[in-house]
Amino acid sequence: DRPRVGWLLGAYHDQKMIAFLVSLATAEPGAAYGHMLGVHPEYQNSSVGFKMVERNFHFFKEEGISRCYITFEPLESRNAHIYINRLGGHGISYKKAYYYIDSGIHHGMPQDRLLVELDVNRDLTQNRETSLDDVLRCYPIVFPENMPDAKAVLLEIPGDLRRLQNEDPDSALACRMNTRVVFEEYLENRGMVVEAFLSDVSNEKRRSFYLLCKQGFSY
């Protein structure tokens, strides 16, 4: 038999493709790479993306794969919610200028990515419920000019990245550069991991935060 190269899944509604998923085999035993997941805008926030990943995990288990690594835009709240919260992933490394895309809303915006490790055998129904207000009371919010030595810290990202890119690309670029400094310091230099993602509406404005923790710390 030929070695497995990858998996390609599609979801359809009324004979129209509404989502697709591409994952790849790796040279590392027991590990796969989640390359791309796309959901038609009309079907976003309907759990179809989560169901695609869940189905993909089923195929991984059949192949004896226990870990999946994915990269995603760290300023995109929807991705963070799926991979960190719903799938229980941990952000383990920050990749600066990981892709080169310089067109459309990506013009002038370096394409950094967050590398996340997923446990394929994790029970996907076990999700920790945490209040954003409670976490804001417990842990400091960090900035490039204020990066304390703490067991856990909060890093804020835009509530709606795409809107920010369309309305104020300079602010979007500044957010990229500021969060890059923090991610690299805490993940690459201090060995911390992204443990959770929290987002809620406060004073009619959505605020979104990553919780970065020292490894082994339970918040």
C-alpha atoms as a PDB file:
ATOM      1  CA  ASP A   1       0.000   0.000   0.000  1.00  0.00           C
ATOM      2  CA  ARG A   2       1.078   3.555  -0.689  1.00  0.00           C
ATOM      3  CA  PRO A   3       1.639   5.738   2.394  1.00  0.00           C
ATOM      4  CA  ARG A   4      -1.131   8.139   3.290  1.00  0.00           C
ATOM      5  CA  VAL A   5      -0.579  11.606   1.811  1.00  0.00           C
ATOM      6  CA  GLY A   6      -3.533  13.464   3.303  1.00  0.00           C
ATOM      7  CA  TRP A   7      -7.276  13.840   3.770  1.00  0.00           C
ATOM      8  CA  LEU A   8      -9.717  15.985   1.794  1.00  0.00           C
ATOM      9  CA  LEU A   9     -13.245  16.460   3.157  1.00  0.00           C
ATOM     10  CA  GLY A  10     -16.173  18.447   1.820  1.00  0.00           C
ATOM     11  CA  ALA A  11     -19.556  19.399   3.273  1.00  0.00           C
ATOM     12  CA  TYR A  12     -22.552  20.004   1.014  1.00  0.00           C
ATOM     13  CA  HIS A  13     -26.010  21.527   1.291  1.00  0.00           C
ATOM     14  CA  ASP A  14     -28.505  21.486  -1.586  1.00  0.00           C
ATOM     15  CA  GLN A  15     -25.741  20.121  -3.842  1.00  0.00           C
ATOM     16  CA  LYS A  16     -23.508  23.110  -3.060  1.00  0.00           C
ATOM     17  CA  MET A  17     -20.194  22.814  -1.247  1.00  0.00           C
ATOM     18  CA  ILE A  18     -20.396  24.873   1.943  1.00  0.00           C
ATOM     19  CA  ALA A  19     -17.150  23.807   3.633  1.00  0.00           C
ATOM     20  CA  PHE A  20     -13.926  21.960   2.964  1.00  0.00           C
ATOM     21  CA  LEU A  21     -11.016  20.651   5.005  1.00  0.00           C
ATOM     22  CA  VAL A  22      -7.508  19.623   3.973  1.00  0.00           C
ATOM     23  CA  SER A  23      -5.100  17.840   6.308  1.00  0.00           C
ATOM     24  CA  LEU A  24      -1.739  16.277   5.537  1.00  0.00           C
ATOM     25  CA  ALA A  25       0.333  13.365   6.738  1.00  0.00           C
ATOM     26  CA  THR A  26       3.721  14.157   8.297  1.00  0.00           C
ATOM     27  CA  ALA A  27       7.064  12.442   8.721  1.00  0.00           C
ATOM     28  CA  GLU A  28       6.524  12.441  12.493  1.00  0.00           C
ATOM     29  CA  PRO A  29       4.936   9.181  13.720  1.00  0.00           C
ATOM     30  CA  GLY A  30       1.442   9.634  15.138  1.00  0.00           C
ATOM     31  CA  ALA A  31       1.096  13.233  13.941  1.00  0.00           C
ATOM     32  CA  ALA A  32      -0.817  15.008  11.182  1.00  0.00           C
ATOM     33  CA  TYR A  33      -0.981  18.627  10.009  1.00  0.00           C
ATOM     34  CA  GLY A  34      -4.269  20.474   9.596  1.00  0.00           C
ATOM     35  CA  HIS A  35      -3.581  22.533   6.481  1.00  0.00           C
ATOM     36  CA  MET A  36      -6.799  24.375   5.670  1.00  0.00           C
ATOM     37  CA  LEU A  37     -10.431  24.698   6.780  1.00  0.00           C
ATOM     38  CA  GLY A  38     -12.878  26.920   4.934  1.00  0.00           C
ATOM     39  CA  VAL A  39     -16.577  27.551   5.568  1.00  0.00           C
ATOM     40  CA  HIS A  40     -18.886  29.550   3.287  1.00  0.00           C
ATOM     41  CA  PRO A  41     -19.827  32.858   5.009  1.00  0.00           C
ATOM     42  CA  GLU A  42     -23.530  31.940   5.015  1.00  0.00           C
ATOM     43  CA  TYR A  43     -22.774  28.848   7.111  1.00  0.00           C
ATOM     44  CA  GLN A  44     -20.234  30.239   9.554  1.00  0.00           C
ATOM     45  CA  ASN A  45     -21.208  30.065  13.255  1.00  0.00           C
ATOM     46  CA  SER A  46     -23.347  26.997  12.470  1.00  0.00           C
ATOM     47  CA  SER A  47     -20.859  24.406  13.856  1.00  0.00           C
ATOM     48  CA  VAL A  48     -20.181  22.991  10.383  1.00  0.00           C
ATOM     49  CA  GLY A  49     -16.458  23.740  10.729  1.00  0.00           C
ATOM     50  CA  PHE A  50     -16.321  21.980  14.096  1.00  0.00           C
ATOM     51  CA  LYS A  51     -18.149  18.958  12.656  1.00  0.00           C
ATOM     52  CA  MET A  52     -15.654  18.799   9.785  1.00  0.00           C
ATOM     53  CA  VAL A  53     -12.730  18.660  12.206  1.00  0.00           C
ATOM     54  CA  GLU A  54     -14.554  16.113  14.360  1.00  0.00           C
ATOM     55  CA  ARG A  55     -15.023  13.892  11.300  1.00  0.00           C
ATOM     56  CA  ASN A  56     -11.399  14.338  10.325  1.00  0.00           C
ATOM     57  CA  PHE A  57     -10.327  13.222  13.807  1.00  0.00           C
ATOM     58  CA  HIS A  58     -12.289  10.010  13.230  1.00  0.00           C
ATOM     59  CA  PHE A  59     -10.123   9.265  10.192  1.00  0.00           C
ATOM     60  CA  PHE A  60      -6.982  10.166  12.138  1.00  0.00           C
ATOM     61  CA  LYS A  61      -7.822   7.617  14.815  1.00  0.00           C
ATOM     62  CA  GLU A  62      -8.264   4.918  12.173  1.00  0.00           C
ATOM     63  CA  GLU A  63      -4.682   5.647  11.079  1.00  0.00           C
ATOM     64  CA  GLY A  64      -3.293   5.602  14.630  1.00  0.00           C
ATOM     65  CA  ILE A  65      -2.733   9.376  14.693  1.00  0.00           C
ATOM     66  CA  SER A  66      -2.947  10.940  18.158  1.00  0.00           C
ATOM     67  CA  ARG A  67      -1.766  14.515  17.530  1.00  0.00           C
ATOM     68  CA  CYS A  68      -2.706  17.154  15.013  1.00  0.00           C
ATOM     69  CA  TYR A  69      -0.844  20.412  14.495  1.00  0.00           C
ATOM     70  CA  ILE A  70      -2.502  23.402  12.886  1.00  0.00           C
ATOM     71  CA  THR A  71      -1.583  27.024  12.254  1.00  0.00           C
ATOM     72  CA  PHE A  72      -4.054  29.884  12.129  1.00  0.00           C
ATOM     73  CA  GLU A  73      -4.278  33.677  12.054  1.00  0.00           C
ATOM     74  CA  PRO A  74      -3.824  34.561  15.750  1.00  0.00           C
ATOM     75  CA  LEU A  75      -5.835  37.785  15.459  1.00  0.00           C
ATOM     76  CA  GLU A  76      -8.928  35.995  14.119  1.00  0.00           C
ATOM     77  CA  SER A  77     -11.337  35.327  16.999  1.00  0.00           C
ATOM     78  CA  ARG A  78     -13.414  32.697  15.185  1.00  0.00           C
ATOM     79  CA  ASN A  79     -10.370  30.490  14.577  1.00  0.00           C
ATOM     80  CA  ALA A  80      -9.180  30.879  18.157  1.00  0.00           C
ATOM     81  CA  HIS A  81     -12.580  29.837  19.514  1.00  0.00           C
ATOM     82  CA  ILE A  82     -12.712  26.683  17.367  1.00  0.00           C
ATOM     83  CA  TYR A  83      -9.168  25.445  17.884  1.00  0.00           C
ATOM     84  CA  ILE A  84      -8.441  26.592  21.449  1.00  0.00           C
ATOM     85  CA  ASN A  85     -11.833  26.369  23.142  1.00  0.00           C
ATOM     86  CA  ARG A  86     -13.928  23.798  21.287  1.00  0.00           C
ATOM     87  CA  LEU A  87     -11.105  21.463  20.271  1.00  0.00           C
ATOM     88  CA  GLY A  88      -8.987  21.987  23.402  1.00  0.00           C
ATOM     89  CA  GLY A  89      -5.806  22.947  21.566  1.00  0.00           C
ATOM     90  CA  HIS A  90      -2.750  24.581  23.118  1.00  0.00           C
ATOM     91  CA  GLY A  91      -0.821  27.315  21.353  1.00  0.00           C
ATOM     92  CA  ILE A  92       2.792  26.186  21.564  1.00  0.00           C
ATOM     93  CA  SER A  93       4.731  28.393  19.164  1.00  0.00           C
ATOM     94  CA  TYR A  94       4.473  31.679  17.251  1.00  0.00           C
ATOM     95  CA  LYS A  95       5.468  31.775  13.578  1.00  0.00           C
ATOM     96  CA  LYS A  96       6.472  35.199  12.273  1.00  0.00           C
ATOM     97  CA  ALA A  97       5.668  35.951   8.587  1.00  0.00           C
ATOM     98  CA  TYR A  98       4.739  32.283   8.089  1.00  0.00           C
ATOM     99  CA  TYR A  99       3.021  32.897   4.730  1.00  0.00           C
ATOM    100  CA  TYR A 100       3.435  35.579   2.086  1.00  0.00           C
ATOM    101  CA  ILE A 101       0.138  37.128   1.001  1.00  0.00           C
ATOM    102  CA  ASP A 102       0.134  40.774  -0.060  1.00  0.00           C
ATOM    103  CA  SER A 103      -3.202  41.365  -1.741  1.00  0.00           C
ATOM    104  CA  GLY A 104      -6.698  42.447  -0.761  1.00  0.00           C
ATOM    105  CA  ILE A 105      -7.159  42.921   2.975  1.00  0.00           C
ATOM    106  CA  HIS A 106      -3.790  41.225   3.527  1.00  0.00           C
ATOM    107  CA  HIS A 107      -1.878  44.019   1.759  1.00  0.00           C
ATOM    108  CA  GLY A 108       0.839  45.315   4.051  1.00  0.00           C
ATOM    109  CA  MET A 109      -0.104  42.835   6.805  1.00  0.00           C
ATOM    110  CA  PRO A 110       2.546  40.198   7.646  1.00  0.00           C
ATOM    111  CA  GLN A 111       0.946  36.773   7.815  1.00  0.00           C
ATOM    112  CA  ASP A 112       2.010  35.525  11.248  1.00  0.00           C
ATOM    113  CA  ARG A 113       0.547  32.273  12.529  1.00  0.00           C
ATOM    114  CA  LEU A 114      -0.035  30.548  15.872  1.00  0.00           C
ATOM    115  CA  LEU A 115       0.987  26.878  15.973  1.00  0.00           C
ATOM    116  CA  VAL A 116      -1.479  24.796  17.982  1.00  0.00           C
ATOM    117  CA  GLU A 117      -1.261  21.177  19.105  1.00  0.00           C
ATOM    118  CA  LEU A 118      -4.509  19.182  19.303  1.00  0.00           C
ATOM    119  CA  ASP A 119      -5.065  15.901  21.135  1.00  0.00           C
ATOM    120  CA  VAL A 120      -6.999  13.761  18.662  1.00  0.00           C
ATOM    121  CA  ASN A 121      -8.244  11.461  21.447  1.00  0.00           C
ATOM    122  CA  ARG A 122      -9.574  14.282  23.625  1.00  0.00           C
ATOM    123  CA  ASP A 123     -13.262  14.188  24.525  1.00  0.00           C
ATOM    124  CA  LEU A 124     -14.547  17.138  22.483  1.00  0.00           C
ATOM    125  CA  THR A 125     -17.605  17.535  24.728  1.00  0.00           C
ATOM    126  CA  GLN A 126     -15.447  18.558  27.686  1.00  0.00           C
ATOM    127  CA  ASN A 127     -15.148  22.345  27.461  1.00  0.00           C
ATOM    128  CA  ARG A 128     -14.175  24.572  30.346  1.00  0.00           C
ATOM    129  CA  GLU A 129     -16.645  27.373  31.050  1.00  0.00           C
ATOM    130  CA  THR A 130     -14.858  30.503  32.212  1.00  0.00           C
ATOM    131  CA  SER A 131     -16.160  34.041  32.634  1.00  0.00           C
ATOM    132  CA  LEU A 132     -14.146  36.790  30.940  1.00  0.00           C
ATOM    133  CA  ASP A 133     -14.886  39.110  33.862  1.00  0.00           C
ATOM    134  CA  ASP A 134     -13.517  36.551  36.328  1.00  0.00           C
ATOM    135  CA  VAL A 135     -10.306  36.122  34.344  1.00  0.00           C
ATOM    136  CA  LEU A 136      -9.835  39.888  33.943  1.00  0.00           C
ATOM    137  CA  ARG A 137      -9.917  40.187  37.738  1.00  0.00           C
ATOM    138  CA  CYS A 138      -7.276  37.496  38.198  1.00  0.00           C
ATOM    139  CA  TYR A 139      -4.572  38.069  35.582  1.00  0.00           C
ATOM    140  CA  PRO A 140      -2.728  41.078  34.142  1.00  0.00           C
ATOM    141  CA  ILE A 141      -3.226  42.320  30.585  1.00  0.00           C
ATOM    142  CA  VAL A 142       0.146  42.474  28.827  1.00  0.00           C
ATOM    143  CA  PHE A 143       1.562  44.883  26.251  1.00  0.00           C
ATOM    144  CA  PRO A 144       5.004  45.169  24.618  1.00  0.00           C
ATOM    145  CA  GLU A 145       5.968  47.784  27.207  1.00  0.00           C
ATOM    146  CA  ASN A 146       4.551  45.753  30.119  1.00  0.00           C
ATOM    147  CA  MET A 147       5.342  42.021  30.151  1.00  0.00           C
ATOM    148  CA  PRO A 148       5.436  40.899  33.807  1.00  0.00           C
ATOM    149  CA  ASP A 149       6.731  37.574  35.076  1.00  0.00           C
ATOM    150  CA  ALA A 150       3.458  35.888  36.050  1.00  0.00           C
ATOM    151  CA  LYS A 151       2.005  32.391  35.985  1.00  0.00           C
ATOM    152  CA  ALA A 152      -0.707  33.554  33.583  1.00  0.00           C
ATOM    153  CA  VAL A 153      -1.301  36.703  31.522  1.00  0.00           C
ATOM    154  CA  LEU A 154      -3.931  38.044  29.129  1.00  0.00           C
ATOM    155  CA  LEU A 155      -3.257  39.282  25.606  1.00  0.00           C
ATOM    156  CA  GLU A 156      -6.002  41.252  23.877  1.00  0.00           C
ATOM    157  CA  ILE A 157      -6.743  40.939  20.154  1.00  0.00           C
ATOM    158  CA  PRO A 158      -9.332  42.719  17.983  1.00  0.00           C
ATOM    159  CA  GLY A 159     -12.931  41.674  18.453  1.00  0.00           C
ATOM    160  CA  ASP A 160     -13.383  41.698  14.650  1.00  0.00           C
ATOM    161  CA  LEU A 161     -10.124  41.557  12.685  1.00  0.00           C
ATOM    162  CA  ARG A 162     -11.679  41.743   9.211  1.00  0.00           C
ATOM    163  CA  ARG A 163     -13.663  44.856  10.041  1.00  0.00           C
ATOM    164  CA  LEU A 164     -10.578  46.467  11.535  1.00  0.00           C
ATOM    165  CA  GLN A 165      -8.536  45.666   8.418  1.00  0.00           C
ATOM    166  CA  ASN A 166     -11.198  47.188   6.198  1.00  0.00           C
ATOM    167  CA  GLU A 167     -11.822  50.307   8.291  1.00  0.00           C
ATOM    168  CA  ASP A 168      -8.379  51.024   9.760  1.00  0.00           C
ATOM    169  CA  PRO A 169      -5.533  48.981   8.214  1.00  0.00           C
ATOM    170  CA  ASP A 170      -2.897  50.987  10.087  1.00  0.00           C
ATOM    171  CA  SER A 171      -4.419  49.963  13.432  1.00  0.00           C
ATOM    172  CA  ALA A 172      -4.597  46.350  12.258  1.00  0.00           C
ATOM    173  CA  LEU A 173      -0.901  46.434  11.370  1.00  0.00           C
ATOM    174  CA  ALA A 174      -0.035  48.003  14.731  1.00  0.00           C
ATOM    175  CA  CYS A 175      -1.980  45.237  16.471  1.00  0.00           C
ATOM    176  CA  ARG A 176      -0.020  42.621  14.527  1.00  0.00           C
ATOM    177  CA  MET A 177       3.309  44.105  15.531  1.00  0.00           C
ATOM    178  CA  ASN A 178       2.369  44.616  19.187  1.00  0.00           C
ATOM    179  CA  THR A 179       0.920  41.142  19.694  1.00  0.00           C
ATOM    180  CA  ARG A 180       3.864  39.613  17.837  1.00  0.00           C
ATOM    181  CA  VAL A 181       6.258  41.024  20.447  1.00  0.00           C
ATOM    182  CA  VAL A 182       4.187  39.590  23.299  1.00  0.00           C
ATOM    183  CA  PHE A 183       3.611  36.181  21.710  1.00  0.00           C
ATOM    184  CA  GLU A 184       7.292  35.740  20.904  1.00  0.00           C
ATOM    185  CA  GLU A 185       8.391  36.755  24.404  1.00  0.00           C
ATOM    186  CA  TYR A 186       6.000  34.520  26.321  1.00  0.00           C
ATOM    187  CA  LEU A 187       5.831  31.493  23.994  1.00  0.00           C
ATOM    188  CA  GLU A 188       9.312  31.399  22.510  1.00  0.00           C
ATOM    189  CA  ASN A 189      11.444  32.917  25.272  1.00  0.00           C
ATOM    190  CA  ARG A 190       9.554  32.024  28.454  1.00  0.00           C
ATOM    191  CA  GLY A 191       8.110  28.663  27.371  1.00  0.00           C
ATOM    192  CA  MET A 192       4.477  29.510  28.104  1.00  0.00           C
ATOM    193  CA  VAL A 193       1.484  28.200  26.136  1.00  0.00           C
ATOM    194  CA  VAL A 194      -1.852  29.574  25.002  1.00  0.00           C
ATOM    195  CA  GLU A 195      -4.302  27.815  27.308  1.00  0.00           C
ATOM    196  CA  ALA A 196      -7.653  29.464  26.572  1.00  0.00           C
ATOM    197  CA  PHE A 197      -9.452  32.079  24.510  1.00  0.00           C
ATOM    198  CA  LEU A 198     -12.105  34.333  26.031  1.00  0.00           C
ATOM    199  CA  SER A 199     -14.421  36.761  24.275  1.00  0.00           C
ATOM    200  CA  ASP A 200     -17.480  38.702  25.388  1.00  0.00           C
ATOM    201  CA  VAL A 201     -19.356  41.948  24.801  1.00  0.00           C
ATOM    202  CA  SER A 202     -18.738  44.749  27.293  1.00  0.00           C
ATOM    203  CA  ASN A 203     -20.282  48.219  26.929  1.00  0.00           C
ATOM    204  CA  GLU A 204     -21.534  47.265  23.450  1.00  0.00           C
ATOM    205  CA  LYS A 205     -18.003  46.385  22.338  1.00  0.00           C
ATOM    206  CA  ARG A 206     -16.587  42.895  21.866  1.00  0.00           C
ATOM    207  CA  ARG A 207     -13.338  42.236  23.686  1.00  0.00           C
ATOM    208  CA  SER A 208     -11.241  39.138  23.032  1.00  0.00           C
ATOM    209  CA  PHE A 209      -8.264  37.772  24.963  1.00  0.00           C
ATOM    210  CA  TYR A 210      -5.826  34.875  24.892  1.00  0.00           C
ATOM    211  CA  LEU A 211      -4.832  33.421  28.248  1.00  0.00           C
ATOM    212  CA  LEU A 212      -1.133  32.518  28.223  1.00  0.00           C
ATOM    213  CA  CYS A 213       0.033  30.247  31.046  1.00  0.00           C
ATOM    214  CA  LYS A 214       3.156  28.611  32.308  1.00  0.00           C
ATOM    215  CA  GLN A 215       3.125  24.940  31.400  1.00  0.00           C
ATOM    216  CA  GLY A 216       1.393  22.855  34.060  1.00  0.00           C
ATOM    217  CA  PHE A 217      -0.444  25.866  35.513  1.00  0.00           C
ATOM    218  CA  SER A 218      -4.199  25.344  35.963  1.00  0.00           C
ATOM    219  CA  TYR A 219      -6.146  28.589  35.907  1.00  0.00           C
END
